[in-house]
Amino acid sequence: MTAEMPMDPRHQPRQFLQHLFQVAVRRALPLHNLAPHLPKPPKGRTIVIGAGKAGAAMAQAVEALWPADAPLTGLVITRYHHTPARAPDLAHRIEIVEAAHPVPDEAGLLASQRILTMVQGLSADDLVLCLISGGGSALLTLPAENLTLAQKQKINKDLLISGANIGEMNCVRKHLSRIKGGRLAAACAPAMVVTLTISDVPGDDPSVIASGPTVPDTTTCADALEILRRYQIELPSPIQSALQANALETPKPGDPAFAGHQVHMIATPQQSLEAAAQAARDAGLKAYILSDEMEGESREVGKVQAAMARAIARHAQPFDKPCVLLSGGETTVTARPLPEGQTRGKGGRAGEFCLGLALALQGQPGVFALAADTDGIDGMESNAGAWVEPTTLSRAAAHGMKIERYLDRNDAHGFFSALGDLVVTGPTYTNVNDFRALLIL
């Protein structure tokens, strides 16, 4: 992705919004952020483990920054096609395994088993460097006893379309795992564990990012059961019984397994939003960060932001135009029941936000928007997100498309693809979650 400054945003709004997205992504790239947080090589071995969509890029950054004469081995799991090309002169000391996301697969299962085996038998002189980023919950998969991979996959799929937020989903995932929710740190004892993490969750809670494999967990089996009940997600009876008996409880704060461990947040959504805001100000615009931890139904968040944009465009309230509104966080998409004979569409959080935004804006002149996931993938499709502009609804009408029908089917990908308005970046090799920018001229 190029980071060159585009022309005046008033004349090229799309290019300008794309520039803001690129600035936000660049701020979160591992190589730009890892160095200040790397520990010194230990007396014993250094083993690098981890998982996430930024996992491969983080591993390559460690390889580039680690002393050449200090031993280094390890294994990190990332999503398929999320491994950057290696520099030809960079030593390949950390193995990269690619696996499926957001629904886990056998490749992730086998790699997770290897990671758990790799950290057995360590000493207090050894160091485990754990590289964690968003997506690690699916990639680092090792189902609890009496739970098969197929059963875990079904539960994961049900969670993804339930409307549960990321904290709720990861609470369940932690309690149905043999490696998440602090269990990986316990397996590393008595070695020192240093966790370097890129946040993709509202609030930057390391116990939620990738389901916190190396940090204490404050949630309980009872919490997981309540979430599953609330969203009407069925469990195999042995797992239901195990949760009810608290047999799948996670390590808690104060557990000796975490003594002396360190956690460093190397990139956050707020940092990326601040970088984008500064880029907007450099272009002569006012910039306002609404929040870095917005949650809720994507379409409803879109409607709320549309109301604010219309107020600015029409009444100069609560901000004067021209300006940019920025926000991050992780919204949700709830799959709604479909009439018989209809099939569900495709799309993710960013696209559904844009559907809700476009519908509520009703072609408001002077309002342009980009919403995209900073990992380059919106849901399970190949686009990062979508564009909205004053002509979105009129162009859709010219194609005989009614936006309400696409919302009913959760088909953001189908709607914006037909208009040529998908934002396609390819994998970005980082992940600080949702990025939304509204330009009001």
Protein backbone atom coordinates (compact mmCIF):
# COMPACT_ATOMS: atom_id res chain seq x y z
CA MET A 1 0.00 0.00 0.00
CA THR A 2 1.26 3.45 -0.84
CA ALA A 3 1.31 6.10 1.84
CA GLU A 4 1.81 9.09 -0.47
CA MET A 5 -0.30 12.09 0.41
CA PRO A 6 -3.25 12.43 -2.00
CA MET A 7 -4.54 15.64 -3.50
CA ASP A 8 -6.97 18.00 -1.79
CA PRO A 9 -9.62 15.87 -0.01
CA ARG A 10 -12.32 18.16 -1.40
CA HIS A 11 -11.45 17.05 -4.92
CA GLN A 12 -10.45 13.44 -4.30
CA PRO A 13 -12.37 12.23 -1.24
CA ARG A 14 -11.84 8.52 -1.93
CA GLN A 15 -8.09 8.84 -2.29
CA PHE A 16 -7.97 10.94 0.86
CA LEU A 17 -9.92 8.39 2.94
CA GLN A 18 -7.74 5.62 1.54
CA HIS A 19 -4.70 7.60 2.68
CA LEU A 20 -6.09 7.84 6.23
CA PHE A 21 -6.64 4.08 6.30
CA GLN A 22 -3.10 3.44 5.09
CA VAL A 23 -1.68 5.75 7.77
CA ALA A 24 -3.65 3.91 10.45
CA VAL A 25 -2.43 0.52 9.24
CA ARG A 26 1.18 1.65 8.94
CA ARG A 27 1.13 2.87 12.55
CA ALA A 28 0.30 -0.68 13.68
CA LEU A 29 2.88 -2.63 11.66
CA PRO A 30 5.00 -4.86 13.92
CA LEU A 31 8.43 -3.82 12.61
CA HIS A 32 7.66 -0.20 13.60
CA ASN A 33 6.67 -1.08 17.15
CA LEU A 34 8.49 -4.18 18.47
CA ALA A 35 12.01 -2.95 19.20
CA PRO A 36 11.35 -1.01 22.46
CA HIS A 37 9.62 -4.02 24.01
CA LEU A 38 12.04 -6.85 23.21
CA PRO A 39 13.74 -8.32 26.30
CA LYS A 40 17.43 -9.17 26.43
CA PRO A 41 18.44 -12.71 25.48
CA PRO A 42 18.31 -15.02 28.53
CA LYS A 43 20.95 -17.36 29.93
CA GLY A 44 19.08 -20.31 28.47
CA ARG A 45 16.98 -20.81 25.36
CA THR A 46 14.61 -18.37 23.68
CA ILE A 47 11.48 -19.89 22.18
CA VAL A 48 9.09 -17.77 20.14
CA ILE A 49 5.46 -18.87 19.96
CA GLY A 50 2.22 -17.13 19.12
CA ALA A 51 -0.82 -16.78 16.91
CA GLY A 52 -2.78 -14.12 15.07
CA LYS A 53 -3.26 -12.39 11.74
CA ALA A 54 -0.16 -10.32 12.48
CA GLY A 55 1.75 -13.37 13.72
CA ALA A 56 4.01 -13.86 10.73
CA ALA A 57 4.90 -10.17 10.48
CA MET A 58 5.61 -10.08 14.22
CA ALA A 59 7.85 -13.16 13.94
CA GLN A 60 9.78 -11.61 11.06
CA ALA A 61 10.23 -8.41 13.08
CA VAL A 62 11.67 -10.44 15.97
CA GLU A 63 14.04 -12.23 13.57
CA ALA A 64 15.21 -8.88 12.18
CA LEU A 65 15.71 -7.28 15.61
CA TRP A 66 17.05 -10.21 17.68
CA PRO A 67 20.84 -10.38 18.07
CA ALA A 68 22.29 -12.58 15.33
CA ASP A 69 24.51 -14.44 17.79
CA ALA A 70 21.69 -15.23 20.25
CA PRO A 71 19.85 -18.57 19.82
CA LEU A 72 16.24 -18.28 18.64
CA THR A 73 13.70 -20.93 17.65
CA GLY A 74 9.94 -21.17 17.60
CA LEU A 75 6.62 -21.54 15.81
CA VAL A 76 3.92 -18.96 15.13
CA ILE A 77 0.50 -19.53 13.53
CA THR A 78 -1.10 -17.03 11.17
CA ARG A 79 -4.03 -16.97 8.77
CA TYR A 80 -3.71 -18.43 5.28
CA HIS A 81 -2.01 -15.93 2.92
CA HIS A 82 -1.00 -13.63 5.79
CA THR A 83 2.75 -14.29 5.65
CA PRO A 84 4.74 -11.36 4.18
CA ALA A 85 7.55 -12.10 1.76
CA ARG A 86 10.75 -12.53 3.75
CA ALA A 87 13.76 -10.34 3.17
CA PRO A 88 16.36 -12.45 1.31
CA ASP A 89 19.04 -11.78 3.94
CA LEU A 90 16.79 -12.56 6.93
CA ALA A 91 17.56 -15.76 8.80
CA HIS A 92 14.56 -18.10 9.02
CA ARG A 93 14.69 -19.00 12.68
CA ILE A 94 10.97 -19.04 13.49
CA GLU A 95 8.65 -21.44 11.68
CA ILE A 96 5.41 -19.97 10.30
CA VAL A 97 2.34 -22.20 9.98
CA GLU A 98 -0.77 -20.97 8.19
CA ALA A 99 -4.25 -22.06 9.27
CA ALA A 100 -7.92 -21.11 8.93
CA HIS A 101 -9.73 -18.09 10.35
CA PRO A 102 -12.39 -17.34 11.60
CA VAL A 103 -13.38 -21.01 11.83
CA PRO A 104 -10.47 -23.21 13.01
CA ASP A 105 -9.14 -26.14 11.00
CA GLU A 106 -6.85 -29.12 11.45
CA ALA A 107 -3.74 -27.17 10.44
CA GLY A 108 -4.30 -24.84 13.39
CA LEU A 109 -5.02 -27.78 15.68
CA LEU A 110 -1.81 -29.60 14.76
CA ALA A 111 0.28 -26.43 15.08
CA SER A 112 -1.24 -25.67 18.48
CA GLN A 113 -0.36 -29.15 19.68
CA ARG A 114 3.21 -28.60 18.51
CA ILE A 115 3.41 -25.28 20.39
CA LEU A 116 2.20 -26.89 23.59
CA THR A 117 4.79 -29.65 23.20
CA MET A 118 7.54 -27.14 22.40
CA VAL A 119 7.24 -25.36 25.77
CA GLN A 120 7.38 -28.50 27.90
CA GLY A 121 10.41 -29.03 30.14
CA LEU A 122 11.70 -25.45 30.15
CA SER A 123 13.81 -24.03 32.97
CA ALA A 124 13.86 -20.73 34.85
CA ASP A 125 16.80 -19.68 32.64
CA ASP A 126 14.67 -19.93 29.49
CA LEU A 127 12.56 -17.22 27.83
CA VAL A 128 9.28 -17.70 25.99
CA LEU A 129 8.43 -14.79 23.72
CA CYS A 130 4.73 -14.97 22.88
CA LEU A 131 3.47 -12.95 19.89
CA ILE A 132 -0.28 -12.39 20.09
CA SER A 133 -2.65 -10.53 17.75
CA GLY A 134 -6.29 -10.63 16.71
CA GLY A 135 -7.42 -13.84 15.09
CA GLY A 136 -5.43 -15.96 17.51
CA SER A 137 -8.58 -17.41 19.07
CA ALA A 138 -9.36 -19.38 15.91
CA LEU A 139 -5.76 -20.03 14.87
CA LEU A 140 -4.56 -21.28 18.27
CA THR A 141 -7.11 -24.05 18.64
CA LEU A 142 -6.85 -27.03 20.96
CA PRO A 143 -10.33 -28.17 22.03
CA ALA A 144 -11.05 -29.19 25.60
CA GLU A 145 -11.14 -32.86 26.48
CA ASN A 146 -14.22 -34.64 25.04
CA LEU A 147 -14.71 -31.85 22.47
CA THR A 148 -13.88 -32.66 18.84
CA LEU A 149 -12.60 -30.20 16.27
CA ALA A 150 -15.85 -30.56 14.31
CA GLN A 151 -17.86 -29.70 17.42
CA LYS A 152 -15.60 -26.74 18.16
CA GLN A 153 -16.05 -25.53 14.57
CA LYS A 154 -19.83 -25.61 14.88
CA ILE A 155 -19.79 -23.71 18.17
CA ASN A 156 -17.47 -21.14 16.61
CA LYS A 157 -19.75 -20.69 13.59
CA ASP A 158 -22.78 -20.31 15.86
CA LEU A 159 -20.99 -17.66 17.93
CA LEU A 160 -19.97 -15.70 14.84
CA ILE A 161 -23.56 -15.21 13.67
CA SER A 162 -25.14 -14.91 17.12
CA GLY A 163 -24.52 -11.21 17.72
CA ALA A 164 -22.22 -11.93 20.68
CA ASN A 165 -19.46 -9.37 21.16
CA ILE A 166 -15.79 -10.30 21.12
CA GLY A 167 -15.49 -10.48 24.90
CA GLU A 168 -18.42 -12.88 25.10
CA MET A 169 -17.16 -15.06 22.27
CA ASN A 170 -13.70 -15.29 23.76
CA CYS A 171 -15.03 -16.11 27.21
CA VAL A 172 -16.60 -19.22 25.71
CA ARG A 173 -13.53 -20.03 23.63
CA LYS A 174 -11.27 -19.84 26.68
CA HIS A 175 -13.32 -22.36 28.61
CA LEU A 176 -13.55 -24.79 25.72
CA SER A 177 -9.78 -24.87 25.14
CA ARG A 178 -6.68 -26.59 26.48
CA ILE A 179 -4.37 -23.74 25.47
CA LYS A 180 -6.23 -20.41 25.76
CA GLY A 181 -7.29 -18.48 28.85
CA GLY A 182 -3.84 -18.53 30.47
CA ARG A 183 -3.26 -22.25 30.00
CA LEU A 184 -0.35 -21.74 27.60
CA ALA A 185 1.51 -19.66 30.21
CA ALA A 186 0.97 -22.39 32.78
CA ALA A 187 2.50 -24.90 30.37
CA CYS A 188 5.62 -22.70 30.00
CA ALA A 189 6.46 -22.68 33.75
CA PRO A 190 9.00 -22.09 35.19
CA ALA A 191 10.33 -20.16 32.17
CA MET A 192 9.89 -16.39 31.96
CA VAL A 193 7.07 -15.45 29.54
CA VAL A 194 7.04 -12.08 27.77
CA THR A 195 3.89 -11.44 25.74
CA LEU A 196 3.97 -8.87 22.95
CA THR A 197 0.49 -8.11 21.71
CA ILE A 198 -1.31 -6.03 19.10
CA SER A 199 -4.78 -5.11 20.33
CA ASP A 200 -7.86 -5.71 18.23
CA VAL A 201 -10.41 -5.48 21.05
CA PRO A 202 -12.31 -2.62 22.69
CA GLY A 203 -10.49 -1.62 25.86
CA ASP A 204 -7.21 -3.34 24.88
CA ASP A 205 -7.70 -6.08 27.49
CA PRO A 206 -4.90 -8.65 26.94
CA SER A 207 -7.09 -11.39 28.41
CA VAL A 208 -9.54 -10.89 25.54
CA ILE A 209 -7.04 -10.53 22.67
CA ALA A 210 -6.81 -13.99 21.04
CA SER A 211 -8.54 -15.32 24.19
CA GLY A 212 -5.50 -14.49 26.35
CA PRO A 213 -3.41 -17.68 26.13
CA THR A 214 -0.65 -16.31 28.39
CA VAL A 215 -2.53 -14.04 30.81
CA PRO A 216 -4.86 -14.69 33.78
CA ASP A 217 -8.58 -15.02 33.12
CA THR A 218 -11.23 -13.43 35.35
CA THR A 219 -14.21 -15.05 33.60
CA THR A 220 -15.71 -18.30 34.82
CA CYS A 221 -17.42 -21.46 33.60
CA ALA A 222 -20.67 -19.94 34.85
CA ASP A 223 -20.06 -16.87 32.64
CA ALA A 224 -19.51 -19.09 29.62
CA LEU A 225 -22.70 -21.05 30.33
CA GLU A 226 -24.72 -17.85 30.64
CA ILE A 227 -23.41 -16.54 27.29
CA LEU A 228 -24.21 -19.83 25.56
CA ARG A 229 -27.70 -19.79 27.08
CA ARG A 230 -28.30 -16.16 26.09
CA TYR A 231 -27.45 -16.79 22.45
CA GLN A 232 -29.11 -20.23 22.37
CA ILE A 233 -25.96 -22.08 21.35
CA GLU A 234 -26.07 -25.83 21.92
CA LEU A 235 -23.21 -27.81 23.46
CA PRO A 236 -22.38 -31.52 23.47
CA SER A 237 -23.73 -32.93 26.74
CA PRO A 238 -20.27 -33.91 28.16
CA ILE A 239 -19.07 -30.31 27.70
CA GLN A 240 -22.26 -28.89 29.19
CA SER A 241 -21.76 -31.10 32.24
CA ALA A 242 -18.07 -30.18 32.52
CA LEU A 243 -18.88 -26.45 32.50
CA GLN A 244 -21.62 -26.93 35.08
CA ALA A 245 -19.14 -28.80 37.32
CA ASN A 246 -16.49 -26.04 36.85
CA ALA A 247 -14.19 -28.71 35.44
CA LEU A 248 -13.06 -26.42 32.60
CA GLU A 249 -12.00 -23.45 34.75
CA THR A 250 -9.12 -21.25 33.63
CA PRO A 251 -6.09 -20.01 35.67
CA LYS A 252 -6.97 -16.88 37.63
CA PRO A 253 -5.07 -13.73 38.72
CA GLY A 254 -2.62 -14.59 41.48
CA ASP A 255 -1.86 -18.04 40.08
CA PRO A 256 1.89 -18.75 40.52
CA ALA A 257 2.05 -19.69 36.83
CA PHE A 258 2.08 -15.97 35.98
CA ALA A 259 4.74 -14.88 38.46
CA GLY A 260 7.21 -12.47 36.85
CA HIS A 261 5.53 -12.56 33.45
CA GLN A 262 5.39 -9.41 31.33
CA VAL A 263 2.79 -8.14 28.85
CA HIS A 264 3.56 -5.30 26.42
CA MET A 265 0.93 -3.69 24.18
CA ILE A 266 2.89 -2.76 21.05
CA ALA A 267 0.04 -1.36 18.93
CA THR A 268 -3.53 -0.30 19.70
CA PRO A 269 -6.58 1.01 17.82
CA GLN A 270 -6.28 4.39 19.55
CA GLN A 271 -2.73 4.86 18.32
CA SER A 272 -3.81 4.17 14.74
CA LEU A 273 -6.78 6.53 15.00
CA GLU A 274 -4.51 9.26 16.38
CA ALA A 275 -2.14 8.79 13.45
CA ALA A 276 -5.03 9.09 10.98
CA ALA A 277 -6.35 12.17 12.79
CA GLN A 278 -2.96 13.85 12.51
CA ALA A 279 -2.85 13.04 8.79
CA ALA A 280 -6.25 14.69 8.36
CA ARG A 281 -5.08 17.77 10.25
CA ASP A 282 -1.96 17.89 8.10
CA ALA A 283 -4.33 18.15 5.12
CA GLY A 284 -6.01 21.17 6.69
CA LEU A 285 -9.09 19.44 8.11
CA LYS A 286 -10.42 19.20 11.64
CA ALA A 287 -10.41 15.62 12.89
CA TYR A 288 -12.40 14.07 15.72
CA ILE A 289 -11.94 10.61 17.21
CA LEU A 290 -15.37 9.49 18.39
CA SER A 291 -14.09 6.36 20.15
CA ASP A 292 -11.60 3.53 19.74
CA GLU A 293 -13.94 0.98 21.33
CA MET A 294 -17.33 1.22 19.67
CA GLU A 295 -19.50 -1.87 19.93
CA GLY A 296 -23.07 -2.76 18.97
CA GLU A 297 -24.87 -3.87 15.84
CA SER A 298 -22.92 -2.68 12.80
CA ARG A 299 -25.96 -1.35 10.96
CA GLU A 300 -27.14 0.57 14.03
CA VAL A 301 -23.70 2.12 14.59
CA GLY A 302 -23.86 3.16 10.93
CA LYS A 303 -27.23 4.84 11.46
CA VAL A 304 -25.99 6.74 14.51
CA GLN A 305 -22.90 8.01 12.70
CA ALA A 306 -25.05 8.97 9.71
CA ALA A 307 -27.23 11.12 11.98
CA MET A 308 -24.13 12.89 13.29
CA ALA A 309 -22.75 13.42 9.78
CA ARG A 310 -26.06 14.86 8.58
CA ALA A 311 -26.16 17.26 11.54
CA ILE A 312 -22.67 18.48 10.72
CA ALA A 313 -23.39 18.79 6.99
CA ARG A 314 -26.73 20.59 7.45
CA HIS A 315 -26.39 22.52 10.72
CA ALA A 316 -22.66 22.63 11.55
CA GLN A 317 -23.46 20.76 14.79
CA PRO A 318 -21.78 19.45 16.87
CA PHE A 319 -18.71 20.22 14.69
CA ASP A 320 -17.97 22.64 11.88
CA LYS A 321 -17.27 21.28 8.43
CA PRO A 322 -15.08 20.38 6.69
CA CYS A 323 -14.02 17.68 9.11
CA VAL A 324 -13.30 13.99 9.54
CA LEU A 325 -14.94 11.67 12.07
CA LEU A 326 -12.85 8.64 13.04
CA SER A 327 -13.79 5.59 15.09
CA GLY A 328 -12.64 2.09 15.87
CA GLY A 329 -13.69 -0.86 17.98
CA GLU A 330 -15.49 -4.07 17.07
CA THR A 331 -19.13 -4.03 16.06
CA THR A 332 -21.23 -7.14 15.49
CA VAL A 333 -23.45 -8.62 12.81
CA THR A 334 -26.44 -10.70 13.87
CA ALA A 335 -27.71 -13.07 11.20
CA ARG A 336 -31.48 -12.68 11.06
CA PRO A 337 -34.00 -15.38 10.05
CA LEU A 338 -34.68 -15.43 6.32
CA PRO A 339 -37.98 -16.08 4.53
CA GLU A 340 -38.21 -19.53 2.97
CA GLY A 341 -36.37 -19.73 -0.33
CA GLN A 342 -33.98 -16.85 0.36
CA THR A 343 -30.26 -17.42 0.85
CA ARG A 344 -28.02 -15.44 3.15
CA GLY A 345 -25.56 -13.05 1.56
CA LYS A 346 -21.92 -12.39 2.29
CA GLY A 347 -20.16 -9.65 4.16
CA GLY A 348 -18.64 -8.52 7.42
CA ARG A 349 -18.87 -5.82 10.05
CA ALA A 350 -17.44 -3.00 7.94
CA GLY A 351 -19.74 -3.69 5.01
CA GLU A 352 -22.83 -3.92 7.20
CA PHE A 353 -21.87 -0.63 8.87
CA CYS A 354 -21.71 0.93 5.41
CA LEU A 355 -25.16 -0.43 4.50
CA GLY A 356 -26.67 1.10 7.63
CA LEU A 357 -24.76 4.34 7.04
CA ALA A 358 -25.78 4.71 3.39
CA LEU A 359 -29.45 3.96 4.14
CA ALA A 360 -29.56 6.58 6.91
CA LEU A 361 -27.60 9.22 4.98
CA GLN A 362 -30.12 9.11 2.11
CA GLY A 363 -27.62 10.61 -0.31
CA GLN A 364 -26.63 13.51 1.94
CA PRO A 365 -24.44 15.82 -0.18
CA GLY A 366 -20.85 16.24 0.93
CA VAL A 367 -20.58 13.09 3.05
CA PHE A 368 -18.11 10.38 2.09
CA ALA A 369 -17.05 7.35 4.13
CA LEU A 370 -14.71 4.40 4.26
CA ALA A 371 -15.11 1.53 6.70
CA ALA A 372 -12.63 -1.33 6.68
CA ASP A 373 -10.99 -3.92 8.86
CA THR A 374 -7.34 -3.08 9.43
CA ASP A 375 -6.28 -6.69 8.73
CA GLY A 376 -7.55 -6.28 5.15
CA ILE A 377 -10.34 -8.86 5.49
CA ASP A 378 -13.95 -7.98 6.27
CA GLY A 379 -15.52 -11.15 7.64
CA MET A 380 -14.64 -14.06 5.40
CA GLU A 381 -14.42 -12.23 2.07
CA SER A 382 -11.44 -10.82 0.16
CA ASN A 383 -12.32 -7.16 0.67
CA ALA A 384 -11.33 -5.02 3.65
CA GLY A 385 -14.55 -3.00 3.63
CA ALA A 386 -16.53 -0.58 1.48
CA TRP A 387 -17.06 3.02 0.39
CA VAL A 388 -20.13 5.21 0.85
CA GLU A 389 -20.69 8.48 -1.01
CA PRO A 390 -23.65 10.75 -1.90
CA THR A 391 -24.38 8.77 -5.07
CA THR A 392 -24.45 5.33 -3.42
CA LEU A 393 -28.24 4.97 -3.25
CA SER A 394 -28.93 6.59 -6.62
CA ARG A 395 -26.43 4.31 -8.36
CA ALA A 396 -27.97 1.32 -6.62
CA ALA A 397 -31.44 2.40 -7.78
CA ALA A 398 -30.15 2.67 -11.34
CA HIS A 399 -29.17 -1.01 -11.07
CA GLY A 400 -32.57 -1.95 -9.68
CA MET A 401 -31.07 -2.63 -6.24
CA LYS A 402 -32.90 -1.88 -2.99
CA ILE A 403 -30.51 -1.51 -0.09
CA GLU A 404 -33.08 -2.76 2.43
CA ARG A 405 -33.14 -6.18 0.76
CA TYR A 406 -29.37 -6.46 1.09
CA LEU A 407 -29.56 -5.50 4.76
CA ASP A 408 -32.23 -8.14 5.35
CA ARG A 409 -29.88 -10.79 3.92
CA ASN A 410 -26.68 -9.44 5.54
CA ASP A 411 -25.33 -9.10 2.00
CA ALA A 412 -23.01 -6.11 2.16
CA HIS A 413 -20.51 -7.82 -0.13
CA GLY A 414 -23.13 -8.34 -2.84
CA PHE A 415 -24.36 -4.75 -2.64
CA PHE A 416 -21.04 -2.95 -2.74
CA SER A 417 -19.49 -5.39 -5.20
CA ALA A 418 -22.23 -4.63 -7.73
CA LEU A 419 -21.48 -0.91 -7.35
CA GLY A 420 -17.71 -1.34 -7.61
CA ASP A 421 -17.41 0.11 -4.12
CA LEU A 422 -15.53 -2.61 -2.25
CA VAL A 423 -12.30 -1.58 -0.54
CA VAL A 424 -9.72 -4.21 -1.47
CA THR A 425 -6.26 -4.02 0.09
CA GLY A 426 -5.13 -7.61 0.53
CA PRO A 427 -3.65 -8.73 3.87
CA THR A 428 -2.04 -5.85 5.77
CA TYR A 429 -0.05 -8.07 8.21
CA THR A 430 -1.42 -6.31 11.27
CA ASN A 431 -4.78 -6.03 13.02
CA VAL A 432 -6.13 -3.21 15.19
CA ASN A 433 -9.70 -4.00 14.19
CA ASP A 434 -12.36 -1.74 12.69
CA PHE A 435 -11.43 1.57 11.08
CA ARG A 436 -14.14 4.03 10.08
CA ALA A 437 -13.63 7.47 8.58
CA LEU A 438 -16.40 9.91 7.58
CA LEU A 439 -15.42 12.97 5.58
CA ILE A 440 -17.93 15.85 5.74
CA LEU A 441 -17.32 18.64 3.25
